[in-house]
Amino acid sequence: MAENSKATTIQRVAIVTGASRGIGRAIALTLAGDGCHVALLARSEGPLSEVRSQIEESGGSASVHAVDAGDSAALAETVESIASERGRLDILVNNAGITRDNLALRMSDEDFDAVINVNLKAAFVTCRSAIRPMMRGKYGRIINIGSTSGVVGNAGQSNYAAAKAGLVGMSRSLAREIGGKGITVNVIAPGFIETDMTAGLPDSVKAQLTGSIATKRLGTVEDIARAVSYVASEGAGYLTGQCLCVDGGLTMC
């Protein structure tokens, strides 16, 4: 009798796109530490294998899936395959993204389309593919990684800001569509985060940036990962259709 009364522990299955470095890597490591099996997606298998090794060395579980976010058919097939092989899909984090910055007068159609395709359309494709297995499981957490550029805009990033703003509108629409199925959809919008890109900035530029932030520091990838951990948790079931700016008070959104 006592044996049958024991609760069965469910291992959540999470997909993280753009998981090979930076914010995506930190999110993958954090979700693995939370007990999830993490399916790692990015274009190159090598860096993903390094993340998987780090997760497994810490006692976690992960799998590697090399796929180009710009290839909609391959991306959808990968998401569906993961859900089928693992028998469930609980968490989707759309983090993959690119930049092709330029002033509008100098921006080519190709650069505009490339950013929209990877940063917005790919997120829609993975969301659409994830919804059905999440509905079967009557549980889901979809988290789209946006940017404060999509909230307040940024000179030279009309393509990037448009894509990230589009994520907010798309996420809120999806939240209304599937909220009654136990699935939440939210956006986390990072501000200025310490990454390989910001590491190369001159001290004067860093000082100017931190001066505009209420906390007077750049964020870390762990700051974003911890926010994702909460939004992806069972305790965040009443949080949906929101854009959470994790930016040290930069935008006060």
Protein backbone atom coordinates (compact mmCIF):
# COMPACT_ATOMS: atom_id res chain seq x y z
CA MET A 1 0.00 0.00 0.00
CA ALA A 2 2.77 2.41 0.96
CA GLU A 3 4.63 1.52 -2.23
CA ASN A 4 1.65 2.43 -4.43
CA SER A 5 1.12 5.74 -2.63
CA LYS A 6 4.53 7.08 -3.55
CA ALA A 7 4.35 9.95 -6.01
CA THR A 8 6.01 9.37 -9.35
CA THR A 9 8.58 12.00 -10.20
CA ILE A 10 8.10 13.42 -13.68
CA GLN A 11 11.17 14.58 -15.56
CA ARG A 12 10.17 17.59 -17.59
CA VAL A 13 11.48 17.82 -21.14
CA ALA A 14 12.75 21.22 -22.26
CA ILE A 15 13.91 22.49 -25.64
CA VAL A 16 16.34 25.42 -25.74
CA THR A 17 17.24 26.94 -29.10
CA GLY A 18 20.52 28.79 -29.50
CA ALA A 19 21.85 26.71 -26.61
CA SER A 20 25.52 26.60 -27.60
CA ARG A 21 26.69 29.82 -25.94
CA GLY A 22 25.83 32.92 -23.96
CA ILE A 23 22.30 33.27 -22.64
CA GLY A 24 21.09 30.04 -24.26
CA ARG A 25 23.87 28.01 -22.68
CA ALA A 26 23.13 29.47 -19.23
CA ILE A 27 19.42 28.71 -19.65
CA ALA A 28 20.17 25.11 -20.65
CA LEU A 29 22.48 24.57 -17.68
CA THR A 30 19.93 26.07 -15.28
CA LEU A 31 17.00 24.01 -16.55
CA ALA A 32 19.14 20.87 -16.39
CA GLY A 33 19.97 21.79 -12.80
CA ASP A 34 16.22 22.09 -12.17
CA GLY A 35 15.91 18.44 -13.15
CA CYS A 36 14.78 18.76 -16.77
CA HIS A 37 16.03 16.74 -19.69
CA VAL A 38 17.26 19.52 -21.98
CA ALA A 39 17.25 19.16 -25.76
CA LEU A 40 19.98 21.49 -27.00
CA LEU A 41 19.42 23.12 -30.39
CA ALA A 42 21.83 25.20 -32.48
CA ARG A 43 23.48 25.08 -35.88
CA SER A 44 26.79 23.47 -34.84
CA GLU A 45 26.98 20.13 -33.07
CA GLY A 46 30.45 20.67 -31.54
CA PRO A 47 29.64 23.49 -29.11
CA LEU A 48 26.35 21.79 -28.18
CA SER A 49 28.24 18.61 -27.29
CA GLU A 50 30.36 20.65 -24.88
CA VAL A 51 27.21 21.91 -23.16
CA ARG A 52 25.81 18.40 -22.99
CA SER A 53 29.04 17.15 -21.42
CA GLN A 54 28.91 19.88 -18.80
CA ILE A 55 25.30 18.99 -17.99
CA GLU A 56 26.02 15.26 -17.77
CA GLU A 57 29.10 15.79 -15.60
CA SER A 58 26.81 17.57 -13.13
CA GLY A 59 24.42 14.62 -13.12
CA GLY A 60 21.92 16.08 -15.56
CA SER A 61 20.40 14.85 -18.81
CA ALA A 62 20.67 16.45 -22.26
CA SER A 63 20.63 15.67 -25.96
CA VAL A 64 22.16 17.43 -28.95
CA HIS A 65 20.22 18.44 -32.07
CA ALA A 66 22.07 20.39 -34.78
CA VAL A 67 19.58 22.35 -36.87
CA ASP A 68 19.50 25.71 -38.64
CA ALA A 69 16.79 27.96 -37.19
CA GLY A 70 16.34 29.44 -40.65
CA ASP A 71 15.22 26.06 -42.07
CA SER A 72 11.56 25.93 -41.04
CA ALA A 73 10.92 22.36 -42.18
CA ALA A 74 13.97 20.94 -40.42
CA LEU A 75 13.25 22.94 -37.28
CA ALA A 76 9.65 21.73 -37.05
CA GLU A 77 10.74 18.15 -37.68
CA THR A 78 13.35 18.40 -34.90
CA VAL A 79 10.84 19.67 -32.33
CA GLU A 80 8.30 17.01 -33.26
CA SER A 81 10.99 14.29 -33.16
CA ILE A 82 12.14 15.31 -29.66
CA ALA A 83 8.57 15.25 -28.34
CA SER A 84 7.97 11.84 -29.94
CA GLU A 85 11.23 10.27 -28.72
CA ARG A 86 10.89 11.59 -25.16
CA GLY A 87 7.14 10.97 -24.99
CA ARG A 88 6.41 14.52 -23.87
CA LEU A 89 7.37 18.18 -24.24
CA ASP A 90 6.93 20.55 -21.32
CA ILE A 91 9.12 23.61 -21.86
CA LEU A 92 10.17 25.51 -24.98
CA VAL A 93 12.67 28.36 -24.80
CA ASN A 94 13.17 30.24 -28.06
CA ASN A 95 16.53 31.92 -27.65
CA ALA A 96 18.14 31.56 -31.09
CA GLY A 97 18.74 34.89 -32.80
CA ILE A 98 20.98 36.88 -35.10
CA THR A 99 21.74 40.54 -35.70
CA ARG A 100 22.33 42.38 -38.96
CA ASP A 101 22.56 45.93 -37.62
CA ASN A 102 22.57 49.00 -39.84
CA LEU A 103 20.82 52.30 -40.24
CA ALA A 104 17.54 51.96 -42.14
CA LEU A 105 18.84 53.86 -45.16
CA ARG A 106 21.68 51.34 -45.50
CA MET A 107 19.85 48.16 -44.54
CA SER A 108 19.32 45.66 -47.33
CA ASP A 109 16.17 43.63 -47.84
CA GLU A 110 18.28 40.51 -47.32
CA ASP A 111 19.47 41.66 -43.87
CA PHE A 112 15.95 42.63 -42.83
CA ASP A 113 14.48 39.32 -43.99
CA ALA A 114 17.24 37.22 -42.40
CA VAL A 115 16.65 38.70 -38.95
CA ILE A 116 12.86 38.39 -39.19
CA ASN A 117 13.21 34.80 -40.40
CA VAL A 118 15.49 33.60 -37.59
CA ASN A 119 14.35 35.80 -34.71
CA LEU A 120 10.59 35.74 -35.30
CA LYS A 121 9.45 33.17 -37.85
CA ALA A 122 11.60 30.38 -36.36
CA ALA A 123 10.06 31.06 -32.95
CA PHE A 124 6.59 30.75 -34.48
CA VAL A 125 7.55 27.46 -36.13
CA THR A 126 8.80 25.92 -32.88
CA CYS A 127 5.78 27.22 -30.94
CA ARG A 128 3.38 25.72 -33.49
CA SER A 129 5.22 22.39 -33.34
CA ALA A 130 5.33 22.37 -29.54
CA ILE A 131 1.68 23.18 -28.87
CA ARG A 132 0.23 19.79 -29.82
CA PRO A 133 2.44 17.65 -27.51
CA MET A 134 1.98 20.22 -24.74
CA MET A 135 -1.80 20.00 -25.18
CA ARG A 136 -1.60 16.21 -24.93
CA GLY A 137 0.30 16.59 -21.67
CA LYS A 138 -2.05 19.34 -20.44
CA TYR A 139 1.00 21.35 -19.43
CA GLY A 140 3.39 23.71 -21.15
CA ARG A 141 5.69 26.64 -20.65
CA ILE A 142 6.67 28.59 -23.77
CA ILE A 143 9.26 31.30 -23.18
CA ASN A 144 10.40 33.55 -26.00
CA ILE A 145 13.60 35.51 -25.40
CA GLY A 146 12.99 39.04 -26.59
CA SER A 147 14.99 42.21 -26.00
CA THR A 148 14.50 45.67 -24.59
CA SER A 149 15.17 46.77 -28.20
CA GLY A 150 11.75 45.37 -29.00
CA VAL A 151 10.21 47.42 -26.20
CA VAL A 152 11.80 50.84 -26.65
CA GLY A 153 13.58 50.52 -30.01
CA ASN A 154 17.25 51.01 -30.80
CA ALA A 155 18.90 53.02 -33.56
CA GLY A 156 20.43 50.80 -36.21
CA GLN A 157 18.27 47.82 -35.25
CA SER A 158 14.97 48.35 -37.03
CA ASN A 159 14.99 44.72 -38.20
CA TYR A 160 16.00 43.30 -34.80
CA ALA A 161 13.60 45.53 -32.86
CA ALA A 162 10.75 44.64 -35.21
CA ALA A 163 11.40 40.92 -34.72
CA LYS A 164 11.59 41.21 -30.94
CA ALA A 165 8.49 43.38 -30.76
CA GLY A 166 6.78 40.81 -32.96
CA LEU A 167 7.62 38.14 -30.40
CA VAL A 168 5.61 40.05 -27.80
CA GLY A 169 2.52 40.32 -30.00
CA MET A 170 2.80 36.71 -31.11
CA SER A 171 3.26 35.45 -27.55
CA ARG A 172 0.25 37.36 -26.26
CA SER A 173 -1.90 36.02 -29.08
CA LEU A 174 -0.78 32.45 -28.37
CA ALA A 175 -1.37 32.96 -24.65
CA ARG A 176 -5.00 33.77 -25.39
CA GLU A 177 -5.35 30.80 -27.74
CA ILE A 178 -3.96 28.09 -25.47
CA GLY A 179 -4.21 29.45 -21.93
CA GLY A 180 -7.11 27.13 -21.17
CA LYS A 181 -4.98 24.11 -22.04
CA GLY A 182 -2.54 24.55 -19.17
CA ILE A 183 0.05 26.21 -21.40
CA THR A 184 1.55 29.61 -20.62
CA VAL A 185 3.37 31.84 -23.12
CA ASN A 186 5.64 34.67 -22.01
CA VAL A 187 8.50 36.85 -23.22
CA ILE A 188 11.65 37.60 -21.25
CA ALA A 189 13.36 40.72 -22.57
CA PRO A 190 17.00 41.05 -21.49
CA GLY A 191 18.67 44.43 -21.27
CA PHE A 192 22.43 44.92 -21.54
CA ILE A 193 23.99 41.57 -20.64
CA GLU A 194 27.64 40.65 -20.16
CA THR A 195 28.46 38.47 -23.16
CA ASP A 196 31.34 37.99 -25.59
CA MET A 197 29.94 40.94 -27.52
CA THR A 198 29.90 43.40 -24.62
CA ALA A 199 33.26 42.16 -23.31
CA GLY A 200 34.96 43.92 -26.21
CA LEU A 201 33.38 47.31 -25.57
CA PRO A 202 35.65 50.15 -24.41
CA ASP A 203 35.44 51.04 -20.71
CA SER A 204 33.99 54.44 -21.61
CA VAL A 205 31.10 52.81 -23.45
CA LYS A 206 30.48 50.37 -20.58
CA ALA A 207 30.43 53.29 -18.15
CA GLN A 208 27.87 55.09 -20.29
CA LEU A 209 25.71 51.98 -20.43
CA THR A 210 25.81 51.27 -16.71
CA GLY A 211 25.06 54.90 -15.99
CA SER A 212 21.65 54.49 -17.64
CA ILE A 213 20.78 51.36 -15.61
CA ALA A 214 19.14 51.69 -12.21
CA THR A 215 21.23 48.88 -10.69
CA LYS A 216 24.42 50.44 -12.13
CA ARG A 217 25.70 47.19 -13.62
CA LEU A 218 25.34 45.06 -16.70
CA GLY A 219 23.29 41.92 -16.31
CA THR A 220 24.72 38.42 -16.41
CA VAL A 221 23.55 35.43 -18.40
CA GLU A 222 22.64 33.85 -15.06
CA ASP A 223 20.25 36.74 -14.35
CA ILE A 224 18.31 35.77 -17.46
CA ALA A 225 18.56 32.03 -16.80
CA ARG A 226 17.15 32.41 -13.28
CA ALA A 227 14.18 34.37 -14.67
CA VAL A 228 13.57 31.61 -17.21
CA SER A 229 13.77 29.02 -14.43
CA TYR A 230 10.91 30.71 -12.59
CA VAL A 231 8.71 31.31 -15.64
CA ALA A 232 9.25 27.68 -16.67
CA SER A 233 8.33 26.35 -13.25
CA GLU A 234 5.04 24.81 -12.13
CA GLY A 235 4.66 27.73 -9.72
CA ALA A 236 4.35 30.20 -12.61
CA GLY A 237 1.09 28.79 -13.92
CA TYR A 238 -0.81 32.07 -13.47
CA LEU A 239 1.75 34.11 -15.40
CA THR A 240 1.01 34.32 -19.11
CA GLY A 241 0.96 36.82 -21.94
CA GLN A 242 3.58 38.95 -20.19
CA CYS A 243 6.80 40.64 -21.28
CA LEU A 244 9.22 40.54 -18.37
CA CYS A 245 12.07 43.02 -18.81
CA VAL A 246 15.13 41.72 -16.99
CA ASP A 247 17.23 44.81 -17.49
CA GLY A 248 18.28 46.24 -14.15
CA GLY A 249 15.62 48.94 -14.41
CA LEU A 250 16.80 50.25 -17.78
CA THR A 251 13.31 50.55 -19.26
CA MET A 252 11.07 50.24 -16.17
CA CYS A 253 8.61 48.36 -18.42
